[in-house]
């Protein structure tokens, strides 16, 4: 039976991790392994590796989902909620503070400082594209899917283009050849979830994807509902992100920049700053919700956007866990996943060009700083948060 003591322990442990977990999702998994497998012994090696495999397969932020799964194993659904809250709280609070600062002192923020943050975004996304291309596009067929994903995202004149390309990638992945892998461990962790709850979550996920599109047809007064559009944009981004947190960039950009709720400069400044704080990249939603022009914005907007972008992770994780073995062992699932992952590389490459590169690389000095930042990240292994701070300082001093 879950006790108040176990719930508070889950929250405090994840709050400490949220304050100290720099370095992105791979680093987060390393922190989780040391904390929960080696130090606290909440999970065995097999249970941890099995949970990581599940979350790598599902769309959404893998490291955050692993944290939710650990909280779920330890203290049920309430434990999953507290694990998520503790892990994202520090980064979300810092990004909300940044959003309030930029909103309040818009004309006092040095132009060079914002330019430096945008250059940091160039370097971070370029590194993500490089790494993901090596992992997800090891052959000609998958490289061609990546190029097609980039072309479709850039040439189809609609914010839905990335989602269309993900579907195409999954369909074409049927013809890919799966890689041989070692047999998965036979013993799976026991998740304290009733199948009725799992089925309800699985039914709710597509309903929440479709309902915001159908409601304005049934209730015309909702056609201009900013809150409904905002929920749908952030919920869709959280439900359809494959391949890592950086892939959320084009989906969020289509949600908040294309309608004119944020400028490209405001969007990229927040994305760059999100690399300098601990915790998951999805905390960027807190910044975006804070600085949005229409309401909800400020603190309520941050909570609204965070809830919308993370809700699919909760629904997917709780919905799929009892049925994981059956789903994962289906012979077509690995091929579909391979096709989606290849297209994801192309979508992120398209985002690197537009809006990031086009907005940030304005002259030879900006290009040089971005190249130096990329070299620091990729070849010198300097932490991303430090590279972001150095880019901001260099932009302030040199690009003002």
Protein backbone atom coordinates (compact mmCIF):
# COMPACT_ATOMS: atom_id res chain seq x y z
CA UNK A 1 0.00 0.00 0.00
CA UNK A 2 1.32 3.44 -0.93
CA UNK A 3 2.10 5.63 2.08
CA UNK A 4 2.60 9.34 2.48
CA UNK A 5 6.23 8.64 3.33
CA UNK A 6 6.88 6.78 0.07
CA UNK A 7 5.14 9.53 -1.95
CA UNK A 8 7.20 12.28 -0.31
CA UNK A 9 10.37 10.24 -0.88
CA UNK A 10 9.58 9.91 -4.59
CA UNK A 11 9.01 13.66 -4.88
CA UNK A 12 12.16 14.68 -3.00
CA UNK A 13 14.45 12.28 -4.88
CA UNK A 14 13.16 13.49 -8.24
CA UNK A 15 13.34 17.13 -7.14
CA UNK A 16 17.04 16.64 -6.39
CA UNK A 17 17.51 15.07 -9.82
CA UNK A 18 15.61 17.94 -11.42
CA UNK A 19 18.05 20.39 -9.83
CA UNK A 20 21.21 18.54 -10.91
CA UNK A 21 20.44 16.62 -14.12
CA UNK A 22 22.25 18.56 -16.84
CA UNK A 23 23.21 17.10 -20.19
CA UNK A 24 20.07 15.95 -22.00
CA UNK A 25 18.05 12.71 -22.01
CA UNK A 26 20.97 10.28 -22.29
CA UNK A 27 22.65 11.91 -19.30
CA UNK A 28 19.32 11.84 -17.43
CA UNK A 29 19.13 8.07 -17.88
CA UNK A 30 22.64 7.81 -16.46
CA UNK A 31 21.59 9.79 -13.39
CA UNK A 32 18.48 7.61 -13.02
CA UNK A 33 20.52 4.40 -13.25
CA UNK A 34 22.97 5.51 -10.59
CA UNK A 35 20.23 6.77 -8.27
CA UNK A 36 17.57 4.08 -8.59
CA UNK A 37 19.56 0.97 -9.52
CA UNK A 38 22.91 1.44 -7.80
CA UNK A 39 22.19 3.71 -4.82
CA UNK A 40 18.55 3.29 -3.74
CA UNK A 41 18.02 -0.14 -5.36
CA UNK A 42 14.40 0.62 -6.24
CA UNK A 43 14.84 -1.31 -9.52
CA UNK A 44 16.99 -4.19 -10.73
CA UNK A 45 19.18 -3.87 -13.82
CA UNK A 46 16.64 -5.85 -15.84
CA UNK A 47 13.68 -3.79 -14.67
CA UNK A 48 15.49 -0.55 -15.49
CA UNK A 49 16.58 -1.71 -18.96
CA UNK A 50 13.06 -2.95 -19.69
CA UNK A 51 11.53 0.39 -18.66
CA UNK A 52 14.04 2.31 -20.80
CA UNK A 53 13.19 0.10 -23.79
CA UNK A 54 9.48 0.86 -23.39
CA UNK A 55 10.03 4.62 -23.19
CA UNK A 56 12.44 4.66 -26.14
CA UNK A 57 9.74 2.99 -28.23
CA UNK A 58 6.93 5.35 -27.24
CA UNK A 59 6.60 8.90 -28.58
CA UNK A 60 7.33 11.66 -26.10
CA UNK A 61 10.26 12.65 -23.84
CA UNK A 62 11.98 9.36 -23.02
CA UNK A 63 13.82 10.44 -19.87
CA UNK A 64 10.72 12.05 -18.36
CA UNK A 65 8.72 8.92 -19.15
CA UNK A 66 11.34 6.71 -17.50
CA UNK A 67 11.05 8.92 -14.41
CA UNK A 68 7.25 8.57 -14.46
CA UNK A 69 7.63 4.79 -14.80
CA UNK A 70 9.98 4.62 -11.81
CA UNK A 71 7.53 6.67 -9.75
CA UNK A 72 4.73 4.37 -10.92
CA UNK A 73 6.60 1.25 -9.84
CA UNK A 74 7.42 2.81 -6.48
CA UNK A 75 4.13 4.46 -5.50
CA UNK A 76 1.48 3.89 -8.16
CA UNK A 77 -0.13 6.56 -10.36
CA UNK A 78 0.32 9.22 -7.63
CA UNK A 79 4.03 8.35 -7.55
CA UNK A 80 4.28 8.85 -11.33
CA UNK A 81 2.68 12.30 -10.98
CA UNK A 82 5.01 13.31 -8.13
CA UNK A 83 8.09 12.01 -9.97
CA UNK A 84 7.17 14.13 -13.00
CA UNK A 85 6.46 17.19 -10.86
CA UNK A 86 9.74 16.97 -8.96
CA UNK A 87 11.81 16.40 -12.09
CA UNK A 88 10.43 19.26 -14.19
CA UNK A 89 9.84 21.80 -11.40
CA UNK A 90 13.36 23.40 -11.33
CA UNK A 91 13.71 23.80 -15.10
CA UNK A 92 10.11 24.97 -15.52
CA UNK A 93 10.51 27.57 -12.76
CA UNK A 94 13.72 28.92 -14.31
CA UNK A 95 12.15 29.18 -17.76
CA UNK A 96 9.02 30.87 -16.39
CA UNK A 97 11.30 33.41 -14.69
CA UNK A 98 13.11 33.96 -18.02
CA UNK A 99 9.77 34.44 -19.75
CA UNK A 100 8.64 37.04 -17.21
CA UNK A 101 12.01 38.79 -17.54
CA UNK A 102 11.81 39.00 -21.33
CA UNK A 103 8.18 40.13 -21.18
CA UNK A 104 8.82 42.82 -18.57
CA UNK A 105 12.13 44.16 -19.88
CA UNK A 106 11.74 43.53 -23.60
CA UNK A 107 13.50 46.74 -24.61
CA UNK A 108 16.23 46.37 -21.99
CA UNK A 109 17.50 42.94 -23.11
CA UNK A 110 20.68 43.35 -25.20
CA UNK A 111 20.19 42.37 -28.83
CA UNK A 112 23.51 40.53 -28.82
CA UNK A 113 22.42 38.40 -25.86
CA UNK A 114 19.36 37.14 -27.73
CA UNK A 115 21.48 36.58 -30.84
CA UNK A 116 23.89 34.47 -28.78
CA UNK A 117 21.05 32.32 -27.47
CA UNK A 118 19.84 31.74 -31.03
CA UNK A 119 23.36 30.68 -32.08
CA UNK A 120 23.42 28.21 -29.19
CA UNK A 121 20.19 26.75 -30.62
CA UNK A 122 21.93 26.32 -34.01
CA UNK A 123 24.77 24.36 -32.40
CA UNK A 124 22.54 22.20 -30.20
CA UNK A 125 20.16 21.21 -33.00
CA UNK A 126 23.04 20.60 -35.42
CA UNK A 127 24.60 18.23 -32.90
CA UNK A 128 21.26 16.46 -32.43
CA UNK A 129 20.86 16.04 -36.20
CA UNK A 130 24.39 14.65 -36.52
CA UNK A 131 23.96 12.15 -33.67
CA UNK A 132 20.48 11.03 -34.71
CA UNK A 133 21.56 10.62 -38.36
CA UNK A 134 24.36 8.28 -37.25
CA UNK A 135 21.95 6.24 -35.12
CA UNK A 136 18.79 6.23 -37.26
CA UNK A 137 20.10 6.43 -40.85
CA UNK A 138 22.85 3.81 -41.15
CA UNK A 139 21.90 2.70 -44.68
CA UNK A 140 20.80 4.20 -47.99
CA UNK A 141 17.12 3.43 -47.57
CA UNK A 142 16.82 5.22 -44.23
CA UNK A 143 19.00 8.11 -45.39
CA UNK A 144 16.61 8.53 -48.35
CA UNK A 145 13.67 8.58 -45.90
CA UNK A 146 15.43 11.32 -43.92
CA UNK A 147 15.98 13.41 -47.06
CA UNK A 148 12.34 12.90 -48.03
CA UNK A 149 11.23 13.93 -44.55
CA UNK A 150 13.25 17.14 -44.81
CA UNK A 151 11.96 17.89 -48.30
CA UNK A 152 8.33 17.30 -47.38
CA UNK A 153 8.58 19.41 -44.22
CA UNK A 154 10.13 22.33 -46.11
CA UNK A 155 8.03 22.18 -49.29
CA UNK A 156 4.54 21.33 -48.04
CA UNK A 157 3.04 24.72 -47.07
CA UNK A 158 1.21 23.67 -43.91
CA UNK A 159 2.06 23.36 -40.21
CA UNK A 160 0.84 19.75 -40.48
CA UNK A 161 3.72 18.79 -42.77
CA UNK A 162 5.87 17.15 -40.02
CA UNK A 163 2.95 15.01 -38.90
CA UNK A 164 2.21 13.95 -42.48
CA UNK A 165 5.85 12.96 -42.96
CA UNK A 166 5.82 10.89 -39.74
CA UNK A 167 2.84 8.91 -41.04
CA UNK A 168 4.56 8.42 -44.42
CA UNK A 169 7.73 7.26 -42.65
CA UNK A 170 5.81 4.70 -40.63
CA UNK A 171 4.07 3.35 -43.74
CA UNK A 172 7.30 3.13 -45.78
CA UNK A 173 9.12 1.57 -42.85
CA UNK A 174 7.18 -1.63 -43.55
CA UNK A 175 9.74 -2.47 -46.26
CA UNK A 176 12.84 -1.87 -44.13
CA UNK A 177 14.94 -4.75 -42.88
CA UNK A 178 15.01 -4.97 -39.06
CA UNK A 179 18.41 -5.23 -37.41
CA UNK A 180 19.21 -8.35 -35.44
CA UNK A 181 19.03 -7.81 -31.70
CA UNK A 182 19.63 -9.84 -28.61
CA UNK A 183 16.60 -11.46 -27.02
CA UNK A 184 14.89 -9.18 -24.50
CA UNK A 185 14.95 -10.23 -20.85
CA UNK A 186 12.18 -12.67 -20.01
CA UNK A 187 11.24 -11.14 -16.67
CA UNK A 188 9.27 -7.91 -16.93
CA UNK A 189 8.55 -5.50 -14.09
CA UNK A 190 5.06 -5.67 -12.60
CA UNK A 191 3.33 -2.31 -13.00
CA UNK A 192 0.51 -1.58 -10.53
CA UNK A 193 -2.06 -0.63 -13.18
CA UNK A 194 -5.52 -2.05 -13.75
CA UNK A 195 -6.19 -2.99 -17.36
CA UNK A 196 -9.46 -1.05 -17.24
CA UNK A 197 -7.49 2.14 -16.46
CA UNK A 198 -5.03 1.36 -19.25
CA UNK A 199 -7.81 0.88 -21.78
CA UNK A 200 -9.44 4.14 -20.68
CA UNK A 201 -6.16 6.02 -21.20
CA UNK A 202 -5.67 4.47 -24.64
CA UNK A 203 -9.20 5.50 -25.64
CA UNK A 204 -8.75 9.03 -24.28
CA UNK A 205 -5.56 9.73 -26.26
CA UNK A 206 -7.06 9.73 -29.81
CA UNK A 207 -10.19 11.41 -28.47
CA UNK A 208 -8.16 14.38 -27.19
CA UNK A 209 -6.31 14.56 -30.51
CA UNK A 210 -9.52 14.70 -32.54
CA UNK A 211 -11.92 16.55 -30.24
CA UNK A 212 -10.28 20.03 -30.49
CA UNK A 213 -10.66 19.80 -34.27
CA UNK A 214 -14.27 18.61 -34.14
CA UNK A 215 -15.60 20.92 -31.41
CA UNK A 216 -15.47 24.14 -33.51
CA UNK A 217 -17.57 22.36 -36.16
CA UNK A 218 -20.21 21.41 -33.61
CA UNK A 219 -19.98 24.62 -31.58
CA UNK A 220 -19.10 27.51 -33.98
CA UNK A 221 -18.38 29.88 -31.09
CA UNK A 222 -15.29 27.78 -30.27
CA UNK A 223 -13.78 28.39 -33.72
CA UNK A 224 -11.86 31.35 -32.29
CA UNK A 225 -10.93 29.73 -28.98
CA UNK A 226 -7.24 30.40 -28.40
CA UNK A 227 -7.13 28.02 -25.41
CA UNK A 228 -8.52 25.17 -27.51
CA UNK A 229 -6.00 25.78 -30.31
CA UNK A 230 -3.19 26.04 -27.77
CA UNK A 231 -4.17 22.78 -26.06
CA UNK A 232 -4.38 20.96 -29.37
CA UNK A 233 -0.99 22.24 -30.54
CA UNK A 234 0.89 21.30 -27.36
CA UNK A 235 -1.00 18.02 -26.86
CA UNK A 236 -0.25 16.98 -30.47
CA UNK A 237 3.42 17.87 -30.03
CA UNK A 238 3.65 15.72 -26.92
CA UNK A 239 1.84 12.82 -28.58
CA UNK A 240 3.76 12.77 -31.87
CA UNK A 241 7.40 13.41 -30.94
CA UNK A 242 9.64 10.47 -31.86
CA UNK A 243 13.40 10.35 -31.54
CA UNK A 244 14.12 12.73 -28.66
CA UNK A 245 13.11 16.03 -27.14
CA UNK A 246 14.74 18.20 -29.80
CA UNK A 247 12.23 16.93 -32.36
CA UNK A 248 9.53 18.89 -30.54
CA UNK A 249 11.06 22.07 -31.95
CA UNK A 250 9.33 22.09 -35.40
CA UNK A 251 6.00 21.04 -33.88
CA UNK A 252 6.04 23.78 -31.24
CA UNK A 253 7.25 26.31 -33.77
CA UNK A 254 4.25 25.50 -35.96
CA UNK A 255 2.00 25.85 -32.91
CA UNK A 256 3.14 29.22 -31.55
CA UNK A 257 5.09 31.02 -34.31
CA UNK A 258 3.01 30.26 -37.41
CA UNK A 259 -0.20 31.80 -35.93
CA UNK A 260 1.78 34.88 -34.82
CA UNK A 261 1.51 34.28 -31.06
CA UNK A 262 5.31 34.50 -30.71
CA UNK A 263 8.09 35.87 -32.90
CA UNK A 264 10.84 33.59 -34.18
CA UNK A 265 13.36 35.52 -32.05
CA UNK A 266 11.34 34.97 -28.85
CA UNK A 267 10.91 31.31 -29.67
CA UNK A 268 14.57 30.62 -30.40
CA UNK A 269 15.77 32.64 -27.39
CA UNK A 270 13.70 30.39 -25.14
CA UNK A 271 14.90 27.26 -26.91
CA UNK A 272 18.51 28.32 -26.47
CA UNK A 273 17.98 29.13 -22.80
CA UNK A 274 16.32 25.74 -22.25
CA UNK A 275 19.68 24.11 -23.02
CA UNK A 276 21.28 25.87 -20.03
CA UNK A 277 18.92 24.59 -17.34
CA UNK A 278 18.76 21.10 -15.80
CA UNK A 279 15.91 18.73 -16.50
CA UNK A 280 13.97 17.88 -19.68
CA UNK A 281 13.82 20.00 -22.85
CA UNK A 282 10.01 19.76 -22.75
CA UNK A 283 10.13 22.37 -19.96
CA UNK A 284 10.42 24.82 -22.86
CA UNK A 285 6.60 24.65 -22.81
CA UNK A 286 6.67 26.61 -19.53
CA UNK A 287 8.59 29.46 -21.18
CA UNK A 288 6.32 29.49 -24.24
CA UNK A 289 3.18 29.53 -22.11
CA UNK A 290 4.57 32.47 -20.12
CA UNK A 291 5.43 34.75 -23.06
CA UNK A 292 2.46 34.04 -25.34
CA UNK A 293 0.64 37.14 -26.53
CA UNK A 294 -2.98 35.93 -26.15
CA UNK A 295 -4.25 34.49 -22.88
CA UNK A 296 -3.63 32.12 -21.19
CA UNK A 297 -0.13 33.41 -20.57
CA UNK A 298 2.11 34.15 -17.59
CA UNK A 299 2.02 31.55 -14.80
CA UNK A 300 -1.38 30.08 -15.79
CA UNK A 301 -0.20 29.82 -19.39
CA UNK A 302 2.95 27.98 -18.30
CA UNK A 303 0.92 25.44 -16.30
CA UNK A 304 -1.58 25.05 -19.15
CA UNK A 305 1.11 24.36 -21.77
CA UNK A 306 3.11 22.03 -19.50
CA UNK A 307 -0.02 20.02 -18.72
CA UNK A 308 -1.00 19.81 -22.39
CA UNK A 309 2.40 18.70 -23.68
CA UNK A 310 2.97 16.08 -20.97
CA UNK A 311 -0.56 14.63 -20.78
CA UNK A 312 0.05 12.28 -23.76
CA UNK A 313 3.09 10.82 -21.95
CA UNK A 314 0.94 9.90 -18.95
CA UNK A 315 -1.81 8.44 -21.14
CA UNK A 316 0.61 6.45 -23.31
CA UNK A 317 2.69 5.13 -20.43
CA UNK A 318 -0.27 4.03 -18.31
CA UNK A 319 -2.11 2.76 -21.38
CA UNK A 320 0.65 0.67 -22.94
CA UNK A 321 2.48 -0.87 -19.96
CA UNK A 322 0.15 -3.85 -19.35
CA UNK A 323 0.17 -4.69 -23.07
CA UNK A 324 3.83 -3.92 -23.78
CA UNK A 325 5.08 -7.46 -24.41
CA UNK A 326 2.37 -8.12 -27.01
CA UNK A 327 2.88 -4.81 -28.83
CA UNK A 328 6.67 -4.90 -28.87
CA UNK A 329 6.88 -8.47 -30.18
CA UNK A 330 4.66 -7.75 -33.19
CA UNK A 331 6.90 -8.30 -36.26
CA UNK A 332 5.91 -5.05 -37.99
CA UNK A 333 6.43 -2.69 -35.05
CA UNK A 334 10.21 -2.52 -35.30
CA UNK A 335 10.08 -1.71 -39.02
CA UNK A 336 7.47 1.01 -38.50
CA UNK A 337 9.62 2.50 -35.75
CA UNK A 338 12.69 2.45 -38.00
CA UNK A 339 10.85 4.36 -40.73
CA UNK A 340 9.52 6.95 -38.29
CA UNK A 341 12.96 7.47 -36.73
CA UNK A 342 14.56 8.04 -40.14
CA UNK A 343 11.94 10.64 -41.09
CA UNK A 344 12.43 12.33 -37.71
CA UNK A 345 16.03 13.09 -38.68
CA UNK A 346 14.80 14.86 -41.81
CA UNK A 347 12.17 16.83 -39.90
CA UNK A 348 14.79 18.05 -37.45
CA UNK A 349 17.15 18.90 -40.32
CA UNK A 350 14.40 21.01 -41.88
CA UNK A 351 13.91 22.81 -38.55
CA UNK A 352 17.66 23.44 -38.38
CA UNK A 353 17.39 25.31 -41.69
CA UNK A 354 14.06 27.05 -41.08
CA UNK A 355 13.59 28.81 -38.75
CA UNK A 356 16.84 28.32 -36.78
CA UNK A 357 19.59 28.86 -39.37
CA UNK A 358 17.71 31.51 -41.37
CA UNK A 359 17.00 33.52 -38.24
CA UNK A 360 20.33 33.15 -36.41
CA UNK A 361 23.05 33.10 -39.10
CA UNK A 362 22.89 36.68 -40.31
CA UNK A 363 26.57 37.32 -41.11
CA UNK A 364 30.04 35.72 -41.02
CA UNK A 365 30.54 36.51 -37.33
CA UNK A 366 27.35 34.68 -36.39
CA UNK A 367 28.37 31.70 -38.53
CA UNK A 368 31.79 31.59 -36.86
CA UNK A 369 30.31 31.64 -33.34
CA UNK A 370 27.83 28.89 -34.26
CA UNK A 371 30.66 26.78 -35.71
CA UNK A 372 32.75 27.22 -32.56
CA UNK A 373 29.75 26.30 -30.38
CA UNK A 374 29.09 23.18 -32.46
CA UNK A 375 32.75 22.16 -32.17
CA UNK A 376 32.63 22.62 -28.40
CA UNK A 377 29.55 20.42 -28.14
CA UNK A 378 30.39 17.69 -30.65
CA UNK A 379 34.15 17.28 -30.48
CA UNK A 380 35.24 18.77 -27.14
CA UNK A 381 32.25 17.42 -25.17
CA UNK A 382 31.75 20.70 -23.30
CA UNK A 383 28.40 20.60 -21.41
CA UNK A 384 25.53 22.17 -23.32
CA UNK A 385 24.58 24.52 -20.48
CA UNK A 386 28.10 25.98 -20.46
CA UNK A 387 28.09 26.37 -24.26
CA UNK A 388 24.79 28.25 -24.02
CA UNK A 389 26.19 30.64 -21.41
CA UNK A 390 29.34 31.21 -23.48
CA UNK A 391 27.28 31.87 -26.62
CA UNK A 392 25.11 34.37 -24.75
CA UNK A 393 28.20 36.18 -23.42
CA UNK A 394 29.94 36.15 -26.81
CA UNK A 395 26.82 37.42 -28.58
CA UNK A 396 26.46 40.20 -26.03
CA UNK A 397 30.08 41.29 -26.48
CA UNK A 398 30.55 40.75 -30.22
CA UNK A 399 27.15 40.91 -31.92
CA UNK A 400 25.61 43.84 -30.08
